[in-house]
């Protein structure tokens, strides 16, 4: 499966940028992945509400190949490290 999207983290408060950069650096330093994390951390300029069929995509399509191959492993990895920081309803 080829993935042609770029991960992005948007912030609208400068403290969010600092937190995102810190977490990205921590994950890079732990070397959980063979390659460096290339997620862009950018200011939020415009926000557009997604079409209904795009909302909650992961929750509605957990069996889809993209979710199984790309999203689920990321969630598993993050929960392994940050489970105590995640609200119970998301675990």
Protein backbone atom coordinates (compact mmCIF):
# COMPACT_ATOMS: atom_id res chain seq x y z
CA UNK A 1 0.00 0.00 0.00
CA UNK A 2 1.35 3.37 -0.96
CA UNK A 3 0.54 6.36 1.22
CA UNK A 4 0.82 9.78 -0.39
CA UNK A 5 -0.28 12.03 2.43
CA UNK A 6 1.81 14.12 4.77
CA UNK A 7 1.19 14.13 8.51
CA UNK A 8 0.68 17.60 9.89
CA UNK A 9 0.17 18.96 13.37
CA UNK A 10 -1.50 22.35 13.43
CA UNK A 11 -1.42 24.76 16.34
CA UNK A 12 -3.22 28.00 17.07
CA UNK A 13 -1.61 28.77 20.42
CA UNK A 14 2.19 29.09 20.56
CA UNK A 15 2.37 26.80 23.62
CA UNK A 16 0.82 24.03 21.51
CA UNK A 17 3.67 24.41 19.02
CA UNK A 18 6.26 24.08 21.78
CA UNK A 19 4.53 20.99 23.18
CA UNK A 20 4.28 19.37 19.75
CA UNK A 21 7.95 20.05 19.01
CA UNK A 22 8.98 18.64 22.39
CA UNK A 23 6.97 15.44 21.89
CA UNK A 24 8.26 15.02 18.35
CA UNK A 25 11.85 15.35 19.62
CA UNK A 26 11.19 12.84 22.43
CA UNK A 27 9.80 10.30 19.97
CA UNK A 28 12.76 10.84 17.64
CA UNK A 29 15.20 10.38 20.52
CA UNK A 30 13.53 7.11 21.55
CA UNK A 31 14.14 5.77 18.02
CA UNK A 32 10.85 3.91 17.90
CA UNK A 33 10.90 4.24 14.12
CA UNK A 34 13.65 3.48 11.62
CA UNK A 35 13.32 6.91 10.02
CA UNK A 36 12.99 10.32 11.67
CA UNK A 37 9.48 11.69 12.25
CA UNK A 38 8.67 14.09 9.42
CA UNK A 39 5.39 15.47 10.75
CA UNK A 40 5.08 19.15 9.91
CA UNK A 41 4.18 21.47 12.79
CA UNK A 42 2.46 24.49 11.29
CA UNK A 43 0.22 27.35 12.39
CA UNK A 44 -3.49 26.86 11.74
CA UNK A 45 -4.49 29.47 9.17
CA UNK A 46 -7.92 28.39 7.99
CA UNK A 47 -10.28 25.75 9.27
CA UNK A 48 -12.91 24.06 7.16
CA UNK A 49 -15.41 21.61 8.58
CA UNK A 50 -15.04 18.23 6.88
CA UNK A 51 -17.83 16.68 4.90
CA UNK A 52 -19.93 14.29 6.98
CA UNK A 53 -18.52 11.17 5.31
CA UNK A 54 -14.96 12.19 6.34
CA UNK A 55 -15.79 12.71 10.01
CA UNK A 56 -14.87 9.95 12.45
CA UNK A 57 -13.27 8.03 9.58
CA UNK A 58 -11.16 5.81 11.83
CA UNK A 59 -14.05 4.98 14.16
CA UNK A 60 -16.29 4.11 11.22
CA UNK A 61 -13.69 2.21 9.15
CA UNK A 62 -11.35 0.42 11.59
CA UNK A 63 -11.25 -2.61 9.27
CA UNK A 64 -10.17 -0.57 6.24
CA UNK A 65 -6.62 -1.33 5.05
CA UNK A 66 -5.44 2.25 5.63
CA UNK A 67 -6.66 2.18 9.23
CA UNK A 68 -5.08 -1.22 9.91
CA UNK A 69 -1.75 -0.45 8.28
CA UNK A 70 -1.26 3.23 9.10
CA UNK A 71 -3.52 4.53 11.88
CA UNK A 72 -3.89 1.59 14.28
CA UNK A 73 -0.13 1.02 14.74
CA UNK A 74 0.35 4.72 15.50
CA UNK A 75 -2.43 4.69 18.08
CA UNK A 76 -1.06 1.52 19.67
CA UNK A 77 2.41 3.04 19.91
CA UNK A 78 1.13 6.30 21.41
CA UNK A 79 -1.07 4.52 23.94
CA UNK A 80 1.84 2.34 25.00
CA UNK A 81 3.76 5.46 25.94
CA UNK A 82 1.04 7.96 26.94
CA UNK A 83 -1.89 5.84 28.17
CA UNK A 84 -2.01 7.71 31.50
CA UNK A 85 -2.45 11.02 29.66
CA UNK A 86 -5.37 9.86 27.51
CA UNK A 87 -8.98 10.26 28.62
CA UNK A 88 -10.58 6.92 29.45
CA UNK A 89 -13.26 7.29 26.77
CA UNK A 90 -10.53 7.20 24.08
CA UNK A 91 -8.81 4.04 25.29
